[in-house]
C-alpha atoms as a PDB file:
ATOM      1  CA  MET A   1      84.714 121.642  95.095  1.00  0.00           C
ATOM      2  CA  ASP A   2      87.025 123.040  97.782  1.00  0.00           C
ATOM      3  CA  LEU A   3      90.661 123.028  96.599  1.00  0.00           C
ATOM      4  CA  ALA A   4      91.845 122.600 100.204  1.00  0.00           C
ATOM      5  CA  LEU A   5      89.911 119.330 100.390  1.00  0.00           C
ATOM      6  CA  LEU A   6      91.437 118.189  97.109  1.00  0.00           C
ATOM      7  CA  ARG A   7      94.934 119.078  98.336  1.00  0.00           C
ATOM      8  CA  THR A   8      94.402 117.027 101.485  1.00  0.00           C
ATOM      9  CA  PHE A   9      92.982 114.156  99.440  1.00  0.00           C
ATOM     10  CA  VAL A  10      95.953 114.091  97.032  1.00  0.00           C
ATOM     11  CA  THR A  11      98.397 114.209  99.938  1.00  0.00           C
ATOM     12  CA  VAL A  12      96.687 111.232 101.625  1.00  0.00           C
ATOM     13  CA  HIS A  13      96.656 109.378  98.309  1.00  0.00           C
ATOM     14  CA  ARG A  14     100.384 109.923  97.859  1.00  0.00           C
ATOM     15  CA  ALA A  15     101.327 109.246 101.477  1.00  0.00           C
ATOM     16  CA  GLY A  16      99.119 106.173 101.869  1.00  0.00           C
ATOM     17  CA  SER A  17      98.289 107.193 105.412  1.00  0.00           C
ATOM     18  CA  PHE A  18      96.271 109.843 107.245  1.00  0.00           C
ATOM     19  CA  THR A  19      99.077 110.146 109.806  1.00  0.00           C
ATOM     20  CA  ARG A  20     101.821 110.795 107.250  1.00  0.00           C
ATOM     21  CA  ALA A  21      99.563 113.147 105.284  1.00  0.00           C
ATOM     22  CA  ALA A  22      98.810 115.133 108.438  1.00  0.00           C
ATOM     23  CA  ALA A  23     102.545 115.561 109.088  1.00  0.00           C
ATOM     24  CA  LEU A  24     103.149 116.698 105.495  1.00  0.00           C
ATOM     25  CA  LEU A  25     100.286 119.194 105.638  1.00  0.00           C
ATOM     26  CA  GLY A  26     100.977 120.464 109.145  1.00  0.00           C
ATOM     27  CA  LEU A  27      97.492 119.434 110.284  1.00  0.00           C
ATOM     28  CA  SER A  28      96.203 117.134 112.986  1.00  0.00           C
ATOM     29  CA  GLN A  29      95.144 113.641 111.993  1.00  0.00           C
ATOM     30  CA  PRO A  30      91.492 114.297 113.033  1.00  0.00           C
ATOM     31  CA  ALA A  31      91.467 117.360 110.756  1.00  0.00           C
ATOM     32  CA  VAL A  32      92.694 115.291 107.824  1.00  0.00           C
ATOM     33  CA  THR A  33      90.150 112.572 108.556  1.00  0.00           C
ATOM     34  CA  SER A  34      87.378 115.167 108.754  1.00  0.00           C
ATOM     35  CA  GLN A  35      88.358 116.732 105.412  1.00  0.00           C
ATOM     36  CA  ILE A  36      88.423 113.366 103.656  1.00  0.00           C
ATOM     37  CA  ARG A  37      85.004 112.472 105.068  1.00  0.00           C
ATOM     38  CA  THR A  38      83.645 115.824 103.895  1.00  0.00           C
ATOM     39  CA  LEU A  39      84.959 115.197 100.382  1.00  0.00           C
ATOM     40  CA  GLU A  40      83.531 111.675 100.385  1.00  0.00           C
ATOM     41  CA  ARG A  41      80.118 113.051 101.395  1.00  0.00           C
ATOM     42  CA  GLN A  42      80.255 115.607  98.593  1.00  0.00           C
ATOM     43  CA  LEU A  43      81.073 112.935  96.037  1.00  0.00           C
ATOM     44  CA  GLY A  44      78.782 110.333  97.522  1.00  0.00           C
ATOM     45  CA  ARG A  45      81.486 107.670  97.172  1.00  0.00           C
ATOM     46  CA  PRO A  46      84.265 106.332  99.422  1.00  0.00           C
ATOM     47  CA  LEU A  47      87.746 107.414  98.375  1.00  0.00           C
ATOM     48  CA  PHE A  48      89.827 105.189 100.652  1.00  0.00           C
ATOM     49  CA  LEU A  49      89.598 101.799 102.304  1.00  0.00           C
ATOM     50  CA  ARG A  50      90.838 102.051 105.881  1.00  0.00           C
ATOM     51  CA  GLN A  51      93.335  99.364 106.891  1.00  0.00           C
ATOM     52  CA  ALA A  52      95.384  98.568 109.964  1.00  0.00           C
ATOM     53  CA  ARG A  53      98.464 100.211 108.454  1.00  0.00           C
ATOM     54  CA  GLY A  54      97.355 103.129 106.334  1.00  0.00           C
ATOM     55  CA  VAL A  55      94.743 103.443 103.624  1.00  0.00           C
ATOM     56  CA  THR A  56      94.244 102.079 100.107  1.00  0.00           C
ATOM     57  CA  PRO A  57      92.470 104.189  97.476  1.00  0.00           C
ATOM     58  CA  THR A  58      89.253 102.927  95.939  1.00  0.00           C
ATOM     59  CA  THR A  59      88.826 102.905  92.164  1.00  0.00           C
ATOM     60  CA  ILE A  60      87.178 106.316  92.231  1.00  0.00           C
ATOM     61  CA  GLY A  61      89.890 107.529  94.616  1.00  0.00           C
ATOM     62  CA  ASP A  62      92.578 106.549  92.127  1.00  0.00           C
ATOM     63  CA  GLU A  63      90.666 108.152  89.274  1.00  0.00           C
ATOM     64  CA  LEU A  64      90.213 111.428  91.148  1.00  0.00           C
ATOM     65  CA  ALA A  65      93.875 111.530  92.169  1.00  0.00           C
ATOM     66  CA  HIS A  66      95.110 110.994  88.619  1.00  0.00           C
ATOM     67  CA  LYS A  67      92.857 113.767  87.311  1.00  0.00           C
ATOM     68  CA  ALA A  68      93.406 116.292  90.102  1.00  0.00           C
ATOM     69  CA  ALA A  69      97.047 115.842  91.168  1.00  0.00           C
ATOM     70  CA  PRO A  70      98.788 117.353  88.086  1.00  0.00           C
ATOM     71  CA  HIS A  71      96.610 120.470  88.237  1.00  0.00           C
ATOM     72  CA  LEU A  72      97.168 120.907  91.972  1.00  0.00           C
ATOM     73  CA  ASP A  73     100.920 120.537  91.453  1.00  0.00           C
ATOM     74  CA  ALA A  74     100.779 123.228  88.776  1.00  0.00           C
ATOM     75  CA  LEU A  75      98.858 125.571  91.078  1.00  0.00           C
ATOM     76  CA  VAL A  76     101.368 125.006  93.897  1.00  0.00           C
ATOM     77  CA  GLU A  77     104.216 125.788  91.518  1.00  0.00           C
ATOM     78  CA  ILE A  78     102.549 129.026  90.412  1.00  0.00           C
ATOM     79  CA  ALA A  79     102.013 130.018  94.038  1.00  0.00           C
ATOM     80  CA  GLU A  80     105.617 129.252  94.972  1.00  0.00           C
ATOM     81  CA  ARG A  81     107.136 131.142  92.023  1.00  0.00           C
ATOM     82  CA  GLY A  82     104.835 134.121  92.206  1.00  0.00           C
ATOM     83  CA  LEU A  83     102.913 135.611  89.320  1.00  0.00           C
ATOM     84  CA  ASP A  84     105.149 138.671  88.977  1.00  0.00           C
ATOM     85  CA  ASP A  85     108.553 137.043  89.313  1.00  0.00           C
ATOM     86  CA  GLU A  86     109.195 136.000  85.727  1.00  0.00           C
ATOM     87  CA  SER A  87     112.965 136.029  86.222  1.00  0.00           C
ATOM     88  CA  SER A  88     113.047 133.440  89.007  1.00  0.00           C
ATOM     89  CA  LEU A  89     114.185 129.950  88.103  1.00  0.00           C
ATOM     90  CA  ARG A  90     111.945 126.959  88.585  1.00  0.00           C
ATOM     91  CA  THR A  91     113.383 124.378  90.963  1.00  0.00           C
ATOM     92  CA  LEU A  92     113.718 120.722  89.997  1.00  0.00           C
ATOM     93  CA  HIS A  93     113.826 118.346  92.963  1.00  0.00           C
ATOM     94  CA  LEU A  94     115.685 115.191  91.945  1.00  0.00           C
ATOM     95  CA  ALA A  95     116.112 111.981  93.944  1.00  0.00           C
ATOM     96  CA  GLY A  96     118.151 108.883  93.208  1.00  0.00           C
ATOM     97  CA  PRO A  97     120.941 106.531  94.273  1.00  0.00           C
ATOM     98  CA  PRO A  98     124.050 108.498  95.265  1.00  0.00           C
ATOM     99  CA  GLU A  99     126.574 106.896  92.901  1.00  0.00           C
ATOM    100  CA  PHE A 100     124.536 106.885  89.686  1.00  0.00           C
ATOM    101  CA  THR A 101     123.046 110.300  90.397  1.00  0.00           C
ATOM    102  CA  ALA A 102     126.455 111.820  91.137  1.00  0.00           C
ATOM    103  CA  GLU A 103     128.360 110.145  88.321  1.00  0.00           C
ATOM    104  CA  ARG A 104     125.734 110.201  85.573  1.00  0.00           C
ATOM    105  CA  ALA A 105     122.623 112.293  86.164  1.00  0.00           C
ATOM    106  CA  LEU A 106     123.998 115.446  87.785  1.00  0.00           C
ATOM    107  CA  PRO A 107     126.800 116.087  85.238  1.00  0.00           C
ATOM    108  CA  ALA A 108     124.144 115.880  82.505  1.00  0.00           C
ATOM    109  CA  LEU A 109     121.593 118.082  84.255  1.00  0.00           C
ATOM    110  CA  VAL A 110     123.923 120.906  85.276  1.00  0.00           C
ATOM    111  CA  GLU A 111     123.863 122.001  81.638  1.00  0.00           C
ATOM    112  CA  LEU A 112     120.220 122.936  82.183  1.00  0.00           C
ATOM    113  CA  THR A 113     120.753 125.059  85.292  1.00  0.00           C
ATOM    114  CA  GLY A 114     121.717 128.230  83.452  1.00  0.00           C
ATOM    115  CA  ASP A 115     119.468 131.273  83.412  1.00  0.00           C
ATOM    116  CA  ASP A 116     118.527 131.054  79.722  1.00  0.00           C
ATOM    117  CA  GLY A 117     114.797 131.406  80.162  1.00  0.00           C
ATOM    118  CA  GLN A 118     114.364 127.633  80.176  1.00  0.00           C
ATOM    119  CA  GLY A 119     116.808 126.686  82.922  1.00  0.00           C
ATOM    120  CA  PHE A 120     116.020 125.618  86.459  1.00  0.00           C
ATOM    121  CA  ALA A 121     117.551 125.459  89.899  1.00  0.00           C
ATOM    122  CA  LEU A 122     118.439 121.952  91.019  1.00  0.00           C
ATOM    123  CA  ARG A 123     118.020 120.314  94.426  1.00  0.00           C
ATOM    124  CA  THR A 124     119.105 116.718  94.935  1.00  0.00           C
ATOM    125  CA  SER A 125     118.363 114.023  97.509  1.00  0.00           C
ATOM    126  CA  PHE A 126     120.132 110.666  97.722  1.00  0.00           C
ATOM    127  CA  GLY A 127     118.382 107.483  98.772  1.00  0.00           C
ATOM    128  CA  ASN A 128     117.527 103.922  97.812  1.00  0.00           C
ATOM    129  CA  ALA A 129     114.675 103.082  95.458  1.00  0.00           C
ATOM    130  CA  GLU A 130     112.078 102.758  98.201  1.00  0.00           C
ATOM    131  CA  GLU A 131     113.002 106.085  99.794  1.00  0.00           C
ATOM    132  CA  SER A 132     113.103 107.936  96.472  1.00  0.00           C
ATOM    133  CA  LEU A 133     109.756 106.608  95.268  1.00  0.00           C
ATOM    134  CA  GLU A 134     108.085 107.293  98.610  1.00  0.00           C
ATOM    135  CA  GLY A 135     109.377 110.865  98.565  1.00  0.00           C
ATOM    136  CA  LEU A 136     108.224 111.298  94.976  1.00  0.00           C
ATOM    137  CA  SER A 137     104.746 109.987  95.817  1.00  0.00           C
ATOM    138  CA  ALA A 138     104.536 112.358  98.778  1.00  0.00           C
ATOM    139  CA  GLY A 139     105.435 115.334  96.594  1.00  0.00           C
ATOM    140  CA  HIS A 140     108.924 115.949  98.014  1.00  0.00           C
ATOM    141  CA  HIS A 141     110.600 115.267  94.646  1.00  0.00           C
ATOM    142  CA  ASP A 142     109.711 116.037  91.033  1.00  0.00           C
ATOM    143  CA  LEU A 143     111.781 113.328  89.386  1.00  0.00           C
ATOM    144  CA  ALA A 144     113.298 110.132  90.741  1.00  0.00           C
ATOM    145  CA  ILE A 145     115.877 107.728  89.356  1.00  0.00           C
ATOM    146  CA  SER A 146     115.060 104.248  90.576  1.00  0.00           C
ATOM    147  CA  THR A 147     116.189 100.676  90.086  1.00  0.00           C
ATOM    148  CA  ALA A 148     112.651  99.511  90.906  1.00  0.00           C
ATOM    149  CA  ARG A 149     109.632 100.033  88.666  1.00  0.00           C
ATOM    150  CA  PRO A 150     106.808 101.449  90.797  1.00  0.00           C
ATOM    151  CA  ARG A 151     103.433  99.763  90.941  1.00  0.00           C
ATOM    152  CA  GLY A 152     100.107 101.461  90.430  1.00  0.00           C
ATOM    153  CA  ALA A 153      99.120 104.377  88.239  1.00  0.00           C
ATOM    154  CA  LEU A 154     100.111 107.248  90.540  1.00  0.00           C
ATOM    155  CA  LEU A 155     103.711 107.115  89.298  1.00  0.00           C
ATOM    156  CA  THR A 156     104.872 106.781  85.698  1.00  0.00           C
ATOM    157  CA  ALA A 157     108.189 105.037  84.977  1.00  0.00           C
ATOM    158  CA  THR A 158     110.283 105.192  81.804  1.00  0.00           C
ATOM    159  CA  PRO A 159     113.274 102.847  81.301  1.00  0.00           C
ATOM    160  CA  LEU A 160     116.454 104.924  81.262  1.00  0.00           C
ATOM    161  CA  CYS A 161     119.380 102.547  80.764  1.00  0.00           C
ATOM    162  CA  ASP A 162     120.801  99.167  81.721  1.00  0.00           C
ATOM    163  CA  GLU A 163     123.761  98.877  84.050  1.00  0.00           C
ATOM    164  CA  GLU A 164     126.236  96.004  83.527  1.00  0.00           C
ATOM    165  CA  HIS A 165     127.734  94.454  86.651  1.00  0.00           C
ATOM    166  CA  VAL A 166     131.357  93.296  86.799  1.00  0.00           C
ATOM    167  CA  LEU A 167     133.088  90.983  89.269  1.00  0.00           C
ATOM    168  CA  VAL A 168     136.351  92.717  90.211  1.00  0.00           C
ATOM    169  CA  ALA A 169     139.222  92.580  92.683  1.00  0.00           C
ATOM    170  CA  SER A 170     142.736  93.941  92.958  1.00  0.00           C
ATOM    171  CA  PRO A 171     145.362  92.153  90.801  1.00  0.00           C
ATOM    172  CA  ARG A 172     146.758  90.361  93.871  1.00  0.00           C
ATOM    173  CA  TRP A 173     143.666  88.138  93.954  1.00  0.00           C
ATOM    174  CA  ALA A 174     143.663  87.263  90.226  1.00  0.00           C
ATOM    175  CA  GLY A 175     145.905  84.229  90.580  1.00  0.00           C
ATOM    176  CA  HIS A 176     143.523  82.645  93.077  1.00  0.00           C
ATOM    177  CA  VAL A 177     140.775  82.128  90.508  1.00  0.00           C
ATOM    178  CA  GLY A 178     142.369  81.915  87.053  1.00  0.00           C
ATOM    179  CA  LEU A 179     141.796  85.424  85.727  1.00  0.00           C
ATOM    180  CA  GLY A 180     139.115  85.664  83.035  1.00  0.00           C
ATOM    181  CA  GLU A 181     138.790  81.885  82.672  1.00  0.00           C
ATOM    182  CA  LEU A 182     136.512  80.987  85.549  1.00  0.00           C
ATOM    183  CA  PRO A 183     133.936  78.422  84.326  1.00  0.00           C
ATOM    184  CA  LEU A 184     130.424  78.611  85.692  1.00  0.00           C
ATOM    185  CA  LYS A 185     130.812  75.414  87.661  1.00  0.00           C
ATOM    186  CA  ASP A 186     133.826  76.774  89.531  1.00  0.00           C
ATOM    187  CA  ALA A 187     132.131  79.477  91.593  1.00  0.00           C
ATOM    188  CA  ALA A 188     133.487  77.550  94.559  1.00  0.00           C
ATOM    189  CA  ALA A 189     136.924  78.900  93.656  1.00  0.00           C
ATOM    190  CA  LEU A 190     135.787  82.268  94.955  1.00  0.00           C
ATOM    191  CA  GLU A 191     134.562  81.044  98.328  1.00  0.00           C
ATOM    192  CA  ASN A 192     137.755  81.859 100.192  1.00  0.00           C
ATOM    193  CA  LEU A 193     138.033  85.413  98.889  1.00  0.00           C
ATOM    194  CA  PRO A 194     136.906  88.248 101.172  1.00  0.00           C
ATOM    195  CA  VAL A 195     133.951  90.303  99.982  1.00  0.00           C
ATOM    196  CA  VAL A 196     133.394  94.066  99.883  1.00  0.00           C
ATOM    197  CA  GLU A 197     129.717  95.116  99.722  1.00  0.00           C
ATOM    198  CA  VAL A 198     127.215  97.877 100.430  1.00  0.00           C
ATOM    199  CA  HIS A 199     125.085  95.838 102.855  1.00  0.00           C
ATOM    200  CA  GLU A 200     125.298  92.719 105.013  1.00  0.00           C
ATOM    201  CA  SER A 201     122.779  91.002 102.700  1.00  0.00           C
ATOM    202  CA  LEU A 202     125.334  91.201  99.849  1.00  0.00           C
ATOM    203  CA  PRO A 203     122.833  92.507  97.271  1.00  0.00           C
ATOM    204  CA  PHE A 204     125.276  92.933  94.378  1.00  0.00           C
ATOM    205  CA  VAL A 205     127.240  89.750  94.967  1.00  0.00           C
ATOM    206  CA  SER A 206     124.072  87.710  95.517  1.00  0.00           C
ATOM    207  CA  ARG A 207     122.511  89.019  92.300  1.00  0.00           C
ATOM    208  CA  TYR A 208     125.694  88.213  90.366  1.00  0.00           C
ATOM    209  CA  TRP A 209     125.943  84.703  91.809  1.00  0.00           C
ATOM    210  CA  ALA A 210     122.293  83.970  91.037  1.00  0.00           C
ATOM    211  CA  SER A 211     122.579  85.241  87.466  1.00  0.00           C
ATOM    212  CA  VAL A 212     125.967  83.833  86.486  1.00  0.00           C
ATOM    213  CA  PHE A 213     126.537  80.810  88.713  1.00  0.00           C
ATOM    214  CA  ASP A 214     122.913  79.912  89.520  1.00  0.00           C
ATOM    215  CA  SER A 215     123.844  79.675  93.173  1.00  0.00           C
ATOM    216  CA  ARG A 216     124.174  81.710  96.337  1.00  0.00           C
ATOM    217  CA  PRO A 217     127.461  83.085  97.677  1.00  0.00           C
ATOM    218  CA  THR A 218     128.703  81.311 100.772  1.00  0.00           C
ATOM    219  CA  ALA A 219     131.050  84.077 101.930  1.00  0.00           C
ATOM    220  CA  SER A 220     130.052  86.878 104.261  1.00  0.00           C
ATOM    221  CA  GLY A 221     131.033  90.503 103.899  1.00  0.00           C
ATOM    222  CA  THR A 222     134.508  91.438 105.117  1.00  0.00           C
ATOM    223  CA  VAL A 223     134.076  95.160 104.472  1.00  0.00           C
ATOM    224  CA  ILE A 224     130.586  96.697 104.389  1.00  0.00           C
ATOM    225  CA  VAL A 225     130.334 100.330 103.278  1.00  0.00           C
ATOM    226  CA  PRO A 226     127.113 101.930 101.960  1.00  0.00           C
ATOM    227  CA  ASP A 227     128.559 103.605  98.867  1.00  0.00           C
ATOM    228  CA  LEU A 228     129.710 101.859  95.693  1.00  0.00           C
ATOM    229  CA  ARG A 229     132.521 104.367  95.209  1.00  0.00           C
ATOM    230  CA  ALA A 230     133.925 103.361  98.583  1.00  0.00           C
ATOM    231  CA  VAL A 231     133.435  99.691  97.660  1.00  0.00           C
ATOM    232  CA  LEU A 232     135.604 100.291  94.581  1.00  0.00           C
ATOM    233  CA  ALA A 233     138.292 102.028  96.631  1.00  0.00           C
ATOM    234  CA  CYS A 234     138.384  99.160  99.132  1.00  0.00           C
ATOM    235  CA  ALA A 235     138.511  96.529  96.392  1.00  0.00           C
ATOM    236  CA  ALA A 236     141.364  98.384  94.663  1.00  0.00           C
ATOM    237  CA  ALA A 237     143.206  98.506  97.990  1.00  0.00           C
ATOM    238  CA  GLY A 238     143.031  94.708  98.203  1.00  0.00           C
ATOM    239  CA  ALA A 239     140.179  94.262 100.667  1.00  0.00           C
ATOM    240  CA  GLY A 240     138.501  91.591  98.540  1.00  0.00           C
ATOM    241  CA  LEU A 241     136.266  90.961  95.557  1.00  0.00           C
ATOM    242  CA  ALA A 242     133.309  93.188  94.691  1.00  0.00           C
ATOM    243  CA  VAL A 243     130.541  93.391  92.128  1.00  0.00           C
ATOM    244  CA  LEU A 244     130.302  96.879  90.653  1.00  0.00           C
ATOM    245  CA  PRO A 245     128.582  98.708  87.799  1.00  0.00           C
ATOM    246  CA  ARG A 246     130.906  98.804  84.802  1.00  0.00           C
ATOM    247  CA  TYR A 247     130.503 102.582  84.388  1.00  0.00           C
ATOM    248  CA  LEU A 248     131.836 103.064  87.908  1.00  0.00           C
ATOM    249  CA  CYS A 249     134.921 100.872  87.577  1.00  0.00           C
ATOM    250  CA  THR A 250     135.880 101.349  83.887  1.00  0.00           C
ATOM    251  CA  THR A 251     138.686 103.796  84.672  1.00  0.00           C
ATOM    252  CA  ALA A 252     140.023 101.586  87.479  1.00  0.00           C
ATOM    253  CA  LEU A 253     139.992  98.596  85.105  1.00  0.00           C
ATOM    254  CA  GLU A 254     141.862 100.562  82.442  1.00  0.00           C
ATOM    255  CA  ARG A 255     144.480 101.687  84.968  1.00  0.00           C
ATOM    256  CA  GLY A 256     144.876  98.182  86.344  1.00  0.00           C
ATOM    257  CA  ASP A 257     143.775  99.189  89.846  1.00  0.00           C
ATOM    258  CA  VAL A 258     141.297  96.309  89.674  1.00  0.00           C
ATOM    259  CA  VAL A 259     140.849  93.396  87.277  1.00  0.00           C
ATOM    260  CA  ALA A 260     137.749  91.560  86.137  1.00  0.00           C
ATOM    261  CA  LEU A 261     137.782  88.096  87.717  1.00  0.00           C
ATOM    262  CA  HIS A 262     135.223  86.761  85.259  1.00  0.00           C
ATOM    263  CA  GLU A 263     133.683  87.839  81.953  1.00  0.00           C
ATOM    264  CA  PRO A 264     130.432  85.878  81.497  1.00  0.00           C
ATOM    265  CA  ALA A 265     128.869  85.587  78.052  1.00  0.00           C
ATOM    266  CA  VAL A 266     125.745  87.295  79.362  1.00  0.00           C
ATOM    267  CA  PRO A 267     126.672  89.770  82.111  1.00  0.00           C
ATOM    268  CA  PRO A 268     124.128  90.616  84.826  1.00  0.00           C
ATOM    269  CA  LEU A 269     122.195  93.805  84.133  1.00  0.00           C
ATOM    270  CA  ARG A 270     120.153  96.172  86.268  1.00  0.00           C
ATOM    271  CA  THR A 271     117.687  98.647  84.768  1.00  0.00           C
ATOM    272  CA  TYR A 272     117.308 102.251  85.875  1.00  0.00           C
ATOM    273  CA  PHE A 273     113.970 104.026  85.508  1.00  0.00           C
ATOM    274  CA  LEU A 274     113.029 107.690  85.365  1.00  0.00           C
ATOM    275  CA  VAL A 275     109.921 108.121  87.509  1.00  0.00           C
ATOM    276  CA  VAL A 276     107.520 111.049  87.814  1.00  0.00           C
ATOM    277  CA  ARG A 277     104.101 111.555  89.325  1.00  0.00           C
ATOM    278  CA  THR A 278     101.599 110.845  86.583  1.00  0.00           C
ATOM    279  CA  GLY A 279     100.703 114.029  84.743  1.00  0.00           C
ATOM    280  CA  THR A 280     103.631 116.159  85.911  1.00  0.00           C
ATOM    281  CA  LEU A 281     105.481 115.861  82.585  1.00  0.00           C
ATOM    282  CA  ALA A 282     103.134 118.668  81.543  1.00  0.00           C
ATOM    283  CA  MET A 283     105.404 120.933  83.602  1.00  0.00           C
ATOM    284  CA  PRO A 284     108.135 122.264  81.263  1.00  0.00           C
ATOM    285  CA  HIS A 285     111.093 122.018  83.663  1.00  0.00           C
ATOM    286  CA  ILE A 286     110.285 118.403  84.596  1.00  0.00           C
ATOM    287  CA  ALA A 287     109.686 117.455  80.972  1.00  0.00           C
ATOM    288  CA  ARG A 288     112.962 119.072  79.888  1.00  0.00           C
ATOM    289  CA  ALA A 289     115.004 117.287  82.557  1.00  0.00           C
ATOM    290  CA  HIS A 290     113.261 113.995  81.748  1.00  0.00           C
ATOM    291  CA  GLU A 291     114.002 114.335  78.031  1.00  0.00           C
ATOM    292  CA  TRP A 292     117.576 115.507  78.646  1.00  0.00           C
ATOM    293  CA  LEU A 293     118.408 112.519  80.839  1.00  0.00           C
ATOM    294  CA  GLN A 294     116.954 110.106  78.276  1.00  0.00           C
ATOM    295  CA  ARG A 295     119.083 111.724  75.593  1.00  0.00           C
ATOM    296  CA  ALA A 296     122.209 111.558  77.765  1.00  0.00           C
ATOM    297  CA  ALA A 297     121.541 107.915  78.633  1.00  0.00           C
ATOM    298  CA  SER A 298     121.977 106.909  75.001  1.00  0.00           C
ATOM    299  CA  ASP A 299     125.719 107.465  75.537  1.00  0.00           C
ATOM    300  CA  TRP A 300     125.830 105.632  78.878  1.00  0.00           C
ATOM    301  CA  CYS A 301     124.738 102.171  77.769  1.00  0.00           C
END
């Protein structure tokens, strides 16, 4: 079987589209379509179901991808490193949310970047869960940290740790709500407080309200900034209340820059997952980073 056909097939499988696969491979869409049809003729079975927006793999398409993809990835890695360059470091391509990746994952992984015979070079991309998982599926990343568990068998997810969310604001707002004594039925006491969030949809505040108060927030965002570290800075400056991961605001809480407006008996949690393409944990540098992050996470939770 032609390895070029398999490479095109795996790229289409990961991209979910002939158009996106063609762009990744540097080929025309007709060329990609032709290669897939050739492979289907050789196998005597359809590999994809064509749809209006992309393609969906058939059962045999999924099976072939799961068997072939890890070996193709290994061959690509050998080709990129070179057979004679034993001293060159492997490169780990990591993707994840900017705050958690910067504050947690990268400080742990830099210990593995030394040239000790088992180290690797590190390249990092920031993005939301959808962007990170799409890039991982397309082969742009080796390892992704995601708050969403991927569906299907192409990607393998391992729970990493749970993140506790805290409702905080600067001390000037504490008197408005009765600091630390807010009963569940009194969520209305927070309605007049301005809100600092990462998006107009108020994802963190809405999740907190649903979990703790069994309701939806009625306020709209006063300050919207797409980075939780900036949200913390704005909340500490008095811009309004915010819902933040406890790991991110622990120091600010200890210094008194912000205070917790409420301490529910069961705080809202969000789970992080380590995600790889199925089969790629056979690659030593990916497996080592995966294991190292799991070990480090035991101290984070």
